[in-house]
Amino acid sequence: MVKDEVKWVVLMIMILAFIVSLITGLILLLFFPTGARVGYYEFLGSGKYVFSSIHSWASIIFVILIIIHLVVNWKWFSKMLRRAFGKEF
């Protein structure tokens, strides 16, 4: 039962981290210029550095949770890989 709860918590945090990373990535893409442009731009009262930091940390957390997700579900994952690629995998 504990393993199912861990899977659920990891999945929910993973979804949240993905959504945060997606939204901040879109904000960075659409509202902040790239390259060496002069000037300071703000969106929702915050500069590019704030959104870039949030985006980076959410992405790091997302990748860590993907690794945890694969470890927790390794038995199923390896079974599906063997089914797709044969016994030699």
Protein backbone atom coordinates (compact mmCIF):
# COMPACT_ATOMS: atom_id res chain seq x y z
CA MET A 1 0.00 0.00 0.00
CA VAL A 2 2.85 2.38 0.78
CA LYS A 3 4.33 1.83 -2.70
CA ASP A 4 1.04 2.89 -4.30
CA GLU A 5 0.98 6.04 -2.17
CA VAL A 6 4.56 6.85 -3.18
CA LYS A 7 3.65 6.35 -6.84
CA TRP A 8 0.67 8.67 -6.49
CA VAL A 9 2.63 11.41 -4.69
CA VAL A 10 5.50 11.20 -7.21
CA LEU A 11 3.04 11.40 -10.11
CA MET A 12 1.17 14.40 -8.69
CA ILE A 13 4.37 16.35 -7.97
CA MET A 14 5.70 15.35 -11.38
CA ILE A 15 2.58 16.74 -13.08
CA LEU A 16 2.83 19.95 -11.04
CA ALA A 17 6.53 20.39 -11.89
CA PHE A 18 5.78 19.82 -15.57
CA ILE A 19 2.97 22.40 -15.58
CA VAL A 20 5.14 24.98 -13.79
CA SER A 21 8.00 24.32 -16.21
CA LEU A 22 5.65 24.59 -19.20
CA ILE A 23 4.04 27.84 -18.06
CA THR A 24 7.32 29.54 -17.14
CA GLY A 25 8.87 28.34 -20.40
CA LEU A 26 6.02 29.89 -22.37
CA ILE A 27 6.32 33.13 -20.38
CA LEU A 28 10.06 33.25 -21.09
CA LEU A 29 9.46 32.55 -24.78
CA LEU A 30 6.62 35.00 -25.31
CA PHE A 31 7.31 37.93 -22.97
CA PHE A 32 11.07 38.23 -22.62
CA PRO A 33 13.50 39.00 -25.43
CA THR A 34 16.50 36.79 -26.07
CA GLY A 35 20.04 37.94 -26.69
CA ALA A 36 21.83 41.08 -25.59
CA ARG A 37 19.06 43.68 -25.70
CA VAL A 38 19.16 46.78 -23.58
CA GLY A 39 16.40 47.32 -21.07
CA TYR A 40 14.62 45.61 -18.25
CA TYR A 41 11.39 43.77 -18.97
CA GLU A 42 8.82 42.65 -16.43
CA PHE A 43 5.86 40.31 -16.50
CA LEU A 44 3.52 39.99 -13.51
CA GLY A 45 5.92 42.18 -11.54
CA SER A 46 8.91 39.87 -11.98
CA GLY A 47 11.90 39.97 -14.27
CA LYS A 48 13.39 37.37 -16.55
CA TYR A 49 15.74 36.06 -13.86
CA VAL A 50 12.85 35.05 -11.58
CA PHE A 51 11.02 33.13 -14.29
CA SER A 52 14.26 31.57 -15.50
CA SER A 53 15.10 30.35 -11.98
CA ILE A 54 11.61 28.93 -11.42
CA HIS A 55 11.75 27.25 -14.83
CA SER A 56 15.16 25.71 -14.12
CA TRP A 57 14.25 24.38 -10.69
CA ALA A 58 10.90 22.98 -11.84
CA SER A 59 12.67 21.21 -14.71
CA ILE A 60 15.34 19.76 -12.39
CA ILE A 61 12.65 18.51 -10.01
CA PHE A 62 10.74 17.03 -12.95
CA VAL A 63 13.80 15.09 -14.17
CA ILE A 64 14.56 13.80 -10.66
CA LEU A 65 10.96 12.64 -10.30
CA ILE A 66 11.09 10.90 -13.69
CA ILE A 67 14.11 8.93 -12.43
CA ILE A 68 12.28 8.07 -9.19
CA HIS A 69 9.23 7.07 -11.24
CA LEU A 70 11.35 4.71 -13.37
CA VAL A 71 12.99 3.18 -10.28
CA VAL A 72 9.66 2.61 -8.52
CA ASN A 73 8.12 1.10 -11.67
CA TRP A 74 11.26 -0.70 -12.90
CA LYS A 75 9.69 -4.17 -12.86
CA TRP A 76 6.88 -3.12 -15.17
CA PHE A 77 9.20 -0.97 -17.29
CA SER A 78 11.71 -3.78 -17.85
CA LYS A 79 8.89 -6.23 -18.65
CA MET A 80 7.56 -3.86 -21.33
CA LEU A 81 11.05 -3.37 -22.78
CA ARG A 82 11.57 -7.13 -22.97
CA ARG A 83 8.21 -7.54 -24.64
CA ALA A 84 9.03 -4.85 -27.19
CA PHE A 85 12.67 -5.76 -27.91
CA GLY A 86 12.88 -9.43 -26.98
CA LYS A 87 14.59 -11.39 -24.23
CA GLU A 88 18.08 -10.15 -25.07
CA PHE A 89 17.31 -6.67 -23.76
